Amino acid sequence: MANEFKATVLIVDDEESYRSMISAVLNDAGYETMTADSGKAAIEIVNRRKADLAILDLMMPGMDGRELMSRLKTRQPELPIVFLTAHGSIPSAVEAIKQGAADYLTKPLPHVDDLVITIERLLELKRLKQQNQLHQAAKKVKNPFPCASPTMKKILEMAAKVAATDVTVLITGESGTGKERMAQFIHLNSNRSQNEMVAVNCAAIVETLLESELFGHEKGAFTGADRSKTGRFEEADNSTLFLDEIGEMSISLQPKLLRVLQEKEFRRVGGNQLIRTNTRLIAATNRNLKQQATEGLFREDLFYRISVFTLQIPPLRERPEDIIFLAESFIEEAAGKFSKPAPELGEDFRRALLKYEWPGNVRELANVIEASVLLCDSDKLQLQHLHGINTVSEAGEKDEPLMLAEKKALIEALQKFDGNREQTADFLGMSKRNLIYKLKKHDLIRKK
């Protein structure tokens, strides 16, 4: 099969001989199968695991095939369903197709190959439909991670290479640098891109509810759990799960995350049934997890498990090429939002953007540009339109003593370590890239 992942087919038939025969044929064809002898048993199965396609006997005691289809479609609207029917009930099968079934085959099956061909055709149609939906969504985002700086382009090259694997990725960087956009870039360049990426912000969910959010829960698992709930690991089956701000996860929940990453299975809160998952994890943090692990605030084994491949996104102040590149992109977006012509970037406005250090990074830049475009009443963004940050003229005189003190500290640290930049950066508590940025700012880079 073209798909690298084994598609899972649910087989529901009250006749054991048919269930066994169909299961054996599909297993030989490379599919995974789940079998049930009734509609009730089938519902219990799909509450634990998602199917890619279902084969249902049309006439079953209790819950018949059409009722079961209605229940399955409520849970998975895009689930292709094939009915098995006797010759005498073909009109009922045709009616079922009008209600949403994908196809039907008659019992007894004249050729088992017909079943395999039908399933392959329906799964390919499903894949093409999902691919088209993602293609249409991608048109709205011209570039998942726009950049101009050589540093960021090199990082994107590494991201594209790791995207083709199933390796767990840890994305680090200050708040606002675009860690979720980077995760989306990796996902869209992976072989899981036919399914949507599932994102969870660990810092935005209270500790007591995060476990249920990730793994789901059974009815009655805790006060207020009046129904079973699917977790994000189930939703991200055969896709990517992005855990933002993973450093905020409680130490008590971390072993459960480690287990699902190692064993590829988990239990819902309050449940006993093991649920298998084929989920690729991408995590992000603005914290130093290695240091937290040393201090006992983050499990060391989990840190090494999620940081198999690490991408560090530098802050915006260390990649000035991206400041203007992104600003021009944000001007176009803001102009479209406010239904007005996009103004040009004035020279004084440009200098102010480059002078500012952007503690809020790309997110702050986007907000500043949007507000400035809203205030702009001409065809060019001038300094008087700049909103949300101090201009150079307002801040220069006030910041001069601080600038001199910073330059003096840099000179003394460089002298202390005989010009060794790595040791100087460690001593000053900053990255080497940030040190080089500040050396350039204070004109302390020797001209060759």
Protein backbone atom coordinates (compact mmCIF):
# COMPACT_ATOMS: atom_id res chain seq x y z
CA MET A 1 0.00 0.00 0.00
CA ALA A 2 1.14 3.55 -0.67
CA ASN A 3 0.48 4.66 2.91
CA GLU A 4 3.37 3.98 5.24
CA PHE A 5 0.99 3.47 8.17
CA LYS A 6 -1.18 0.35 8.34
CA ALA A 7 -4.79 1.37 7.92
CA THR A 8 -7.11 -0.08 10.58
CA VAL A 9 -10.35 -1.70 9.42
CA LEU A 10 -13.28 -2.39 11.76
CA ILE A 11 -15.21 -5.57 10.84
CA VAL A 12 -18.68 -6.02 12.37
CA ASP A 13 -20.64 -9.18 11.59
CA ASP A 14 -22.65 -11.53 13.81
CA GLU A 15 -21.36 -14.52 11.83
CA GLU A 16 -17.98 -15.62 13.20
CA SER A 17 -17.00 -17.37 9.96
CA TYR A 18 -17.32 -14.11 7.97
CA ARG A 19 -15.46 -12.07 10.59
CA SER A 20 -12.57 -14.54 10.64
CA MET A 21 -12.39 -14.87 6.84
CA ILE A 22 -12.46 -11.12 6.18
CA SER A 23 -9.95 -10.44 8.94
CA ALA A 24 -7.52 -13.03 7.54
CA VAL A 25 -7.83 -11.66 3.98
CA LEU A 26 -7.22 -8.07 5.10
CA ASN A 27 -4.32 -9.02 7.38
CA ASP A 28 -2.67 -10.73 4.42
CA ALA A 29 -3.23 -7.55 2.39
CA GLY A 30 -1.35 -5.49 5.00
CA TYR A 31 -4.20 -4.02 7.05
CA GLU A 32 -4.77 -4.11 10.79
CA THR A 33 -8.22 -5.35 11.79
CA MET A 34 -10.58 -5.00 14.74
CA THR A 35 -13.59 -7.34 14.93
CA ALA A 36 -16.94 -7.15 16.72
CA ASP A 37 -19.96 -9.46 16.72
CA SER A 38 -22.54 -6.73 17.38
CA GLY A 39 -23.17 -3.01 17.10
CA LYS A 40 -22.77 -2.57 20.85
CA ALA A 41 -19.36 -4.29 20.81
CA ALA A 42 -18.30 -2.14 17.84
CA ILE A 43 -19.17 1.08 19.71
CA GLU A 44 -17.05 -0.07 22.66
CA ILE A 45 -14.11 -0.68 20.32
CA VAL A 46 -14.25 2.72 18.59
CA ASN A 47 -14.49 4.40 21.98
CA ARG A 48 -10.96 3.08 22.55
CA ARG A 49 -9.44 3.32 19.10
CA LYS A 50 -10.07 5.11 15.82
CA ALA A 51 -10.80 3.11 12.65
CA ASP A 52 -9.81 4.16 9.13
CA LEU A 53 -12.65 2.21 7.47
CA ALA A 54 -15.53 0.00 8.63
CA ILE A 55 -17.11 -3.10 7.11
CA LEU A 56 -20.61 -3.69 8.53
CA ASP A 57 -23.12 -6.48 8.09
CA LEU A 58 -26.36 -4.79 7.08
CA MET A 59 -28.70 -7.20 8.87
CA MET A 60 -27.71 -7.92 12.48
CA PRO A 61 -29.85 -8.66 15.54
CA GLY A 62 -30.24 -5.80 17.99
CA MET A 63 -28.53 -2.79 16.41
CA ASP A 64 -28.60 -3.21 12.63
CA GLY A 65 -25.94 -1.91 10.23
CA ARG A 66 -27.66 1.36 9.38
CA GLU A 67 -28.13 2.35 13.03
CA LEU A 68 -24.52 1.43 13.74
CA MET A 69 -23.40 3.55 10.75
CA SER A 70 -25.29 6.53 12.15
CA ARG A 71 -23.50 6.19 15.49
CA LEU A 72 -20.09 5.72 13.91
CA LYS A 73 -20.60 8.73 11.65
CA THR A 74 -21.44 10.86 14.69
CA ARG A 75 -18.00 10.05 16.07
CA GLN A 76 -16.08 10.02 12.74
CA PRO A 77 -18.00 11.86 9.99
CA GLU A 78 -15.38 11.04 7.33
CA LEU A 79 -15.27 7.29 8.10
CA PRO A 80 -15.81 5.23 4.89
CA ILE A 81 -18.32 2.41 5.49
CA VAL A 82 -18.80 -0.69 3.34
CA PHE A 83 -21.90 -2.82 3.86
CA LEU A 84 -22.14 -6.59 3.41
CA THR A 85 -25.63 -7.64 2.37
CA ALA A 86 -27.48 -10.66 1.06
CA HIS A 87 -28.92 -10.45 -2.47
CA GLY A 88 -32.45 -10.07 -1.10
CA SER A 89 -31.60 -6.92 0.85
CA ILE A 90 -29.79 -4.99 -1.91
CA PRO A 91 -32.50 -2.25 -1.92
CA SER A 92 -31.72 -1.64 1.77
CA ALA A 93 -28.02 -1.38 0.94
CA VAL A 94 -28.74 1.16 -1.78
CA GLU A 95 -30.78 3.17 0.70
CA ALA A 96 -27.83 3.01 3.13
CA ILE A 97 -25.56 4.51 0.45
CA LYS A 98 -28.00 7.41 0.12
CA GLN A 99 -27.60 7.89 3.89
CA GLY A 100 -23.80 8.06 3.71
CA ALA A 101 -22.32 4.60 3.14
CA ALA A 102 -19.41 4.44 0.69
CA ASP A 103 -20.22 1.12 -1.02
CA TYR A 104 -21.74 -2.35 -0.55
CA LEU A 105 -20.79 -5.92 -1.45
CA THR A 106 -23.08 -8.96 -1.60
CA LYS A 107 -22.81 -12.12 0.46
CA PRO A 108 -21.38 -14.58 -0.23
CA LEU A 109 -18.39 -12.72 -1.65
CA PRO A 110 -17.77 -14.11 -5.15
CA HIS A 111 -14.11 -13.00 -5.04
CA VAL A 112 -12.31 -11.87 -1.87
CA ASP A 113 -10.07 -9.73 -4.08
CA ASP A 114 -13.12 -7.53 -4.73
CA LEU A 115 -13.16 -6.62 -1.03
CA VAL A 116 -9.47 -5.65 -0.98
CA ILE A 117 -9.82 -3.60 -4.19
CA THR A 118 -12.85 -1.79 -2.78
CA ILE A 119 -11.05 -0.94 0.46
CA GLU A 120 -7.94 0.29 -1.36
CA ARG A 121 -10.07 2.49 -3.60
CA LEU A 122 -12.05 4.02 -0.71
CA LEU A 123 -8.97 4.67 1.43
CA GLU A 124 -7.24 6.32 -1.52
CA LEU A 125 -10.28 8.55 -2.09
CA LYS A 126 -10.25 9.44 1.61
CA ARG A 127 -6.53 10.26 1.46
CA LEU A 128 -6.95 12.44 -1.63
CA LYS A 129 -9.85 14.30 -0.03
CA GLN A 130 -7.83 14.99 3.12
CA GLN A 131 -4.85 16.03 1.03
CA ASN A 132 -7.02 18.46 -0.94
CA GLN A 133 -8.42 19.96 2.27
CA LEU A 134 -4.90 20.52 3.60
CA HIS A 135 -3.80 21.95 0.25
CA GLN A 136 -6.65 24.46 0.38
CA ALA A 137 -5.74 25.36 3.97
CA ALA A 138 -2.08 25.75 3.01
CA LYS A 139 -3.01 28.31 0.34
CA LYS A 140 -4.14 30.62 3.15
CA VAL A 141 -0.69 30.42 4.73
CA LYS A 142 1.82 31.36 2.04
CA ASN A 143 4.78 30.31 4.18
CA PRO A 144 4.41 28.51 7.53
CA PHE A 145 7.72 30.02 8.71
CA PRO A 146 8.74 33.09 6.69
CA CYS A 147 12.31 34.26 7.21
CA ALA A 148 15.21 35.99 5.45
CA SER A 149 18.21 35.52 7.76
CA PRO A 150 20.85 32.88 6.87
CA THR A 151 20.67 31.56 10.46
CA MET A 152 16.94 30.85 10.24
CA LYS A 153 17.22 29.37 6.75
CA LYS A 154 19.81 26.92 8.05
CA ILE A 155 17.53 25.98 10.95
CA LEU A 156 14.67 25.42 8.50
CA GLU A 157 16.90 23.12 6.44
CA MET A 158 17.53 21.03 9.56
CA ALA A 159 13.81 21.09 10.39
CA ALA A 160 12.93 19.85 6.90
CA LYS A 161 15.38 16.94 7.26
CA VAL A 162 14.05 15.83 10.65
CA ALA A 163 10.47 16.26 9.39
CA ALA A 164 10.92 13.23 7.11
CA THR A 165 11.51 11.02 10.18
CA ASP A 166 9.43 10.12 13.23
CA VAL A 167 12.05 11.49 15.63
CA THR A 168 10.75 13.44 18.64
CA VAL A 169 11.70 17.13 18.36
CA LEU A 170 12.22 19.73 21.10
CA ILE A 171 11.94 23.35 19.97
CA THR A 172 13.46 25.93 22.33
CA GLY A 173 13.42 29.70 22.25
CA GLU A 174 12.09 32.80 23.93
CA SER A 175 8.36 33.51 24.01
CA GLY A 176 7.07 34.85 20.72
CA THR A 177 9.86 33.46 18.51
CA GLY A 178 7.46 31.21 16.57
CA LYS A 179 7.88 27.77 18.14
CA GLU A 180 4.37 26.62 17.17
CA ARG A 181 4.92 27.87 13.60
CA MET A 182 8.13 25.81 13.49
CA ALA A 183 6.21 22.75 14.72
CA GLN A 184 3.64 23.35 11.96
CA PHE A 185 6.46 23.64 9.40
CA ILE A 186 7.83 20.24 10.52
CA HIS A 187 4.39 18.64 10.45
CA LEU A 188 3.52 19.96 6.98
CA ASN A 189 6.81 18.57 5.66
CA SER A 190 6.29 15.13 7.23
CA ASN A 191 4.56 12.00 5.97
CA ARG A 192 1.80 12.69 8.53
CA SER A 193 0.70 15.92 6.87
CA GLN A 194 -2.49 14.34 5.53
CA ASN A 195 -3.87 14.72 9.08
CA GLU A 196 -4.09 17.93 11.09
CA MET A 197 -1.53 18.65 13.80
CA VAL A 198 -3.03 18.63 17.30
CA ALA A 199 -1.71 21.36 19.64
CA VAL A 200 -1.90 21.62 23.44
CA ASN A 201 -0.56 24.51 25.53
CA CYS A 202 0.48 22.90 28.82
CA ALA A 203 0.64 26.29 30.56
CA ALA A 204 -2.96 27.16 29.65
CA ILE A 205 -4.57 24.11 31.30
CA VAL A 206 -4.74 23.62 35.07
CA GLU A 207 -2.63 20.75 36.36
CA THR A 208 -5.61 18.64 37.49
CA LEU A 209 -7.17 18.70 34.00
CA LEU A 210 -4.06 18.33 31.83
CA GLU A 211 -3.95 14.53 32.25
CA SER A 212 -7.55 14.23 31.03
CA GLU A 213 -6.80 16.63 28.15
CA LEU A 214 -3.90 14.46 26.97
CA PHE A 215 -5.23 10.95 27.63
CA GLY A 216 -9.00 11.38 27.87
CA HIS A 217 -11.19 10.01 30.65
CA GLU A 218 -13.97 7.51 31.21
CA LYS A 219 -17.42 8.43 32.48
CA GLY A 220 -17.37 8.83 36.27
CA ALA A 221 -13.57 9.07 36.45
CA PHE A 222 -13.87 12.22 38.59
CA THR A 223 -16.49 14.73 39.72
CA GLY A 224 -18.08 16.30 36.66
CA ALA A 225 -17.02 13.52 34.25
CA ASP A 226 -20.56 12.78 33.09
CA ARG A 227 -19.40 11.22 29.80
CA SER A 228 -16.32 9.60 28.29
CA LYS A 229 -13.87 11.97 26.60
CA THR A 230 -11.30 11.34 23.87
CA GLY A 231 -7.80 12.62 24.67
CA ARG A 232 -5.39 14.49 22.42
CA PHE A 233 -3.16 11.43 21.96
CA GLU A 234 -6.13 9.61 20.42
CA GLU A 235 -6.93 12.61 18.20
CA ALA A 236 -3.30 12.74 17.03
CA ASP A 237 -3.15 9.07 16.03
CA ASN A 238 -1.13 8.86 12.77
CA SER A 239 -0.49 12.60 13.11
CA THR A 240 1.60 15.03 15.19
CA LEU A 241 0.96 16.17 18.77
CA PHE A 242 2.50 19.54 19.65
CA LEU A 243 3.00 20.15 23.38
CA ASP A 244 3.77 23.83 23.90
CA GLU A 245 5.40 25.00 27.16
CA ILE A 246 6.14 21.43 28.20
CA GLY A 247 8.31 22.79 31.01
CA GLU A 248 5.08 23.78 32.81
CA MET A 249 3.95 20.15 33.06
CA SER A 250 3.83 18.88 36.67
CA ILE A 251 6.50 16.40 37.77
CA SER A 252 3.71 13.94 38.72
CA LEU A 253 2.30 13.82 35.17
CA GLN A 254 5.67 13.48 33.44
CA PRO A 255 6.07 9.68 34.04
CA LYS A 256 2.75 9.07 32.26
CA LEU A 257 3.93 11.08 29.27
CA LEU A 258 7.22 9.18 29.26
CA ARG A 259 5.37 5.86 29.25
CA VAL A 260 3.20 6.69 26.25
CA LEU A 261 6.26 7.88 24.32
CA GLN A 262 8.12 4.65 25.07
CA GLU A 263 5.29 2.10 24.89
CA LYS A 264 2.99 3.81 22.35
CA GLU A 265 0.01 2.99 24.57
CA PHE A 266 -1.90 4.55 27.46
CA ARG A 267 -5.05 4.33 29.55
CA ARG A 268 -7.70 6.99 29.86
CA VAL A 269 -8.17 8.53 33.31
CA GLY A 270 -10.39 6.08 35.22
CA GLY A 271 -10.05 3.41 32.53
CA ASN A 272 -8.42 -0.03 32.40
CA GLN A 273 -8.31 -0.57 28.63
CA LEU A 274 -4.93 -0.02 26.94
CA ILE A 275 -5.22 2.24 23.90
CA ARG A 276 -2.55 2.10 21.19
CA THR A 277 -1.42 5.29 19.48
CA ASN A 278 0.89 6.11 16.58
CA THR A 279 1.62 9.73 17.47
CA ARG A 280 4.70 11.82 16.67
CA LEU A 281 5.55 14.30 19.44
CA ILE A 282 6.96 17.80 19.01
CA ALA A 283 7.50 19.73 22.25
CA ALA A 284 8.44 23.35 22.88
CA THR A 285 9.65 25.40 25.82
CA ASN A 286 11.11 28.78 26.69
CA ARG A 287 12.81 27.26 29.73
CA ASN A 288 16.19 25.58 30.20
CA LEU A 289 14.91 22.01 30.67
CA LYS A 290 18.40 20.60 31.14
CA GLN A 291 18.94 22.92 34.08
CA GLN A 292 15.48 22.11 35.42
CA ALA A 293 16.34 18.40 35.21
CA THR A 294 19.54 19.04 37.19
CA GLU A 295 17.50 20.87 39.83
CA GLY A 296 14.92 18.07 40.03
CA LEU A 297 12.15 20.19 38.50
CA PHE A 298 11.92 18.12 35.31
CA ARG A 299 12.49 14.39 34.88
CA GLU A 300 15.89 13.74 33.37
CA ASP A 301 14.73 10.61 31.51
CA LEU A 302 11.84 12.53 29.95
CA PHE A 303 14.17 15.38 28.96
CA TYR A 304 16.47 13.02 27.06
CA ARG A 305 13.44 11.27 25.51
CA ILE A 306 11.92 14.48 24.08
CA SER A 307 15.20 16.14 23.08
CA VAL A 308 16.35 13.49 20.61
CA PHE A 309 16.58 16.35 18.12
CA THR A 310 16.63 19.95 19.37
CA LEU A 311 16.01 23.11 17.36
CA GLN A 312 16.80 26.44 19.02
CA ILE A 313 15.07 29.44 17.49
CA PRO A 314 17.16 32.58 18.08
CA PRO A 315 15.41 35.73 19.32
CA LEU A 316 14.43 38.33 16.75
CA ARG A 317 17.10 40.79 17.95
CA GLU A 318 19.80 38.31 16.82
CA ARG A 319 18.47 38.14 13.25
CA PRO A 320 17.93 41.73 12.08
CA GLU A 321 17.37 40.60 8.46
CA ASP A 322 14.10 39.05 9.61
CA ILE A 323 12.89 42.23 11.33
CA ILE A 324 12.40 44.13 8.08
CA PHE A 325 11.37 41.03 6.10
CA LEU A 326 8.64 40.18 8.62
CA ALA A 327 7.61 43.81 9.07
CA GLU A 328 6.87 44.14 5.36
CA SER A 329 4.87 40.90 5.45
CA PHE A 330 2.88 42.08 8.49
CA ILE A 331 2.18 45.43 6.77
CA GLU A 332 0.48 43.56 3.90
CA GLU A 333 -1.55 41.45 6.33
CA ALA A 334 -2.63 44.44 8.42
CA ALA A 335 -3.56 46.51 5.34
CA GLY A 336 -5.76 43.65 4.13
CA LYS A 337 -7.37 43.34 7.55
CA PHE A 338 -8.22 47.07 7.66
CA SER A 339 -9.15 47.25 3.95
CA LYS A 340 -6.66 49.98 3.15
CA PRO A 341 -3.66 50.28 0.79
CA ALA A 342 -0.42 48.90 2.21
CA PRO A 343 1.90 51.80 3.15
CA GLU A 344 5.61 51.76 2.37
CA LEU A 345 8.17 51.41 5.14
CA GLY A 346 9.65 54.84 5.86
CA GLU A 347 13.38 55.12 6.57
CA ASP A 348 12.99 56.52 10.10
CA PHE A 349 10.40 53.84 10.87
CA ARG A 350 12.80 51.18 9.54
CA ARG A 351 15.68 52.47 11.72
CA ALA A 352 13.45 52.42 14.81
CA LEU A 353 12.50 48.81 14.17
CA LEU A 354 16.15 47.79 13.83
CA LYS A 355 17.19 49.71 16.96
CA TYR A 356 14.57 48.11 19.21
CA GLU A 357 15.52 44.80 20.91
CA TRP A 358 12.09 43.10 20.62
CA PRO A 359 11.74 41.30 23.97
CA GLY A 360 8.39 39.93 22.72
CA ASN A 361 10.01 38.78 19.46
CA VAL A 362 7.94 38.08 16.32
CA ARG A 363 4.62 38.24 18.18
CA GLU A 364 5.44 41.74 19.46
CA LEU A 365 6.58 42.88 16.02
CA ALA A 366 3.30 41.71 14.46
CA ASN A 367 1.27 43.61 17.08
CA VAL A 368 3.33 46.81 16.65
CA ILE A 369 3.01 46.74 12.86
CA GLU A 370 -0.75 46.10 13.01
CA ALA A 371 -1.30 49.05 15.37
CA SER A 372 0.99 51.31 13.31
CA VAL A 373 -0.77 50.49 10.02
CA LEU A 374 -4.10 51.22 11.70
CA LEU A 375 -2.83 54.69 12.75
CA CYS A 376 -1.14 55.45 9.41
CA ASP A 377 -2.98 58.09 7.37
CA SER A 378 -0.49 58.36 4.50
CA ASP A 379 1.18 56.15 1.92
CA LYS A 380 4.30 55.72 4.07
CA LEU A 381 4.85 54.54 7.66
CA GLN A 382 6.66 57.35 9.47
CA LEU A 383 8.03 57.54 12.99
CA GLN A 384 4.89 59.30 14.24
CA HIS A 385 2.85 56.23 13.26
CA LEU A 386 5.00 53.86 15.34
CA HIS A 387 2.83 52.52 18.15
CA GLY A 388 3.71 50.26 21.07
CA ILE A 389 7.45 50.83 21.49
CA ASN A 390 9.68 53.78 22.37
CA THR A 391 11.27 55.57 19.44
CA VAL A 392 15.02 56.12 19.26
CA SER A 393 14.64 59.86 19.88
CA GLU A 394 12.52 59.29 22.98
CA ALA A 395 14.67 56.57 24.47
CA GLY A 396 18.19 57.43 23.31
CA GLU A 397 19.13 60.01 25.94
CA LYS A 398 17.53 58.06 28.79
CA ASP A 399 19.23 54.80 27.80
CA GLU A 400 22.71 56.23 27.25
CA PRO A 401 24.09 55.41 30.78
CA LEU A 402 22.75 51.87 30.46
CA MET A 403 24.34 51.46 27.03
CA LEU A 404 27.71 52.66 28.38
CA ALA A 405 27.48 50.27 31.32
CA GLU A 406 26.66 47.37 28.99
CA LYS A 407 29.61 48.19 26.72
CA LYS A 408 31.95 48.39 29.71
CA ALA A 409 30.77 44.99 31.00
CA LEU A 410 31.35 43.44 27.57
CA ILE A 411 34.90 44.86 27.31
CA GLU A 412 35.84 43.67 30.82
CA ALA A 413 34.44 40.17 30.21
CA LEU A 414 36.28 39.85 26.89
CA GLN A 415 39.53 40.89 28.54
CA LYS A 416 38.96 38.43 31.39
CA PHE A 417 38.73 35.51 28.93
CA ASP A 418 41.28 36.79 26.39
CA GLY A 419 38.60 37.36 23.77
CA ASN A 420 37.11 33.85 23.99
CA ARG A 421 33.48 34.43 23.02
CA GLU A 422 32.06 31.15 24.32
CA GLN A 423 33.54 31.68 27.79
CA THR A 424 32.48 35.34 27.73
CA ALA A 425 28.91 34.42 26.81
CA ASP A 426 28.72 31.80 29.59
CA PHE A 427 30.12 34.29 32.10
CA LEU A 428 27.54 36.94 31.11
CA GLY A 429 24.67 34.42 31.04
CA MET A 430 23.76 34.81 27.38
CA SER A 431 23.93 32.81 24.17
CA LYS A 432 26.94 33.18 21.87
CA ARG A 433 24.66 34.62 19.15
CA ASN A 434 23.33 37.23 21.58
CA LEU A 435 26.90 38.13 22.58
CA ILE A 436 27.90 38.66 18.92
CA TYR A 437 24.81 40.81 18.39
CA LYS A 438 25.77 43.03 21.33
CA LEU A 439 29.41 43.22 20.23
CA LYS A 440 28.25 44.46 16.83
CA LYS A 441 25.87 46.93 18.45
CA HIS A 442 28.71 48.45 20.49
CA ASP A 443 31.18 48.28 17.56
CA LEU A 444 33.43 45.81 19.43
CA ILE A 445 33.98 43.43 16.49
CA ARG A 446 37.46 43.88 15.14
CA LYS A 447 37.60 44.81 11.46
CA LYS A 448 39.71 42.40 9.43
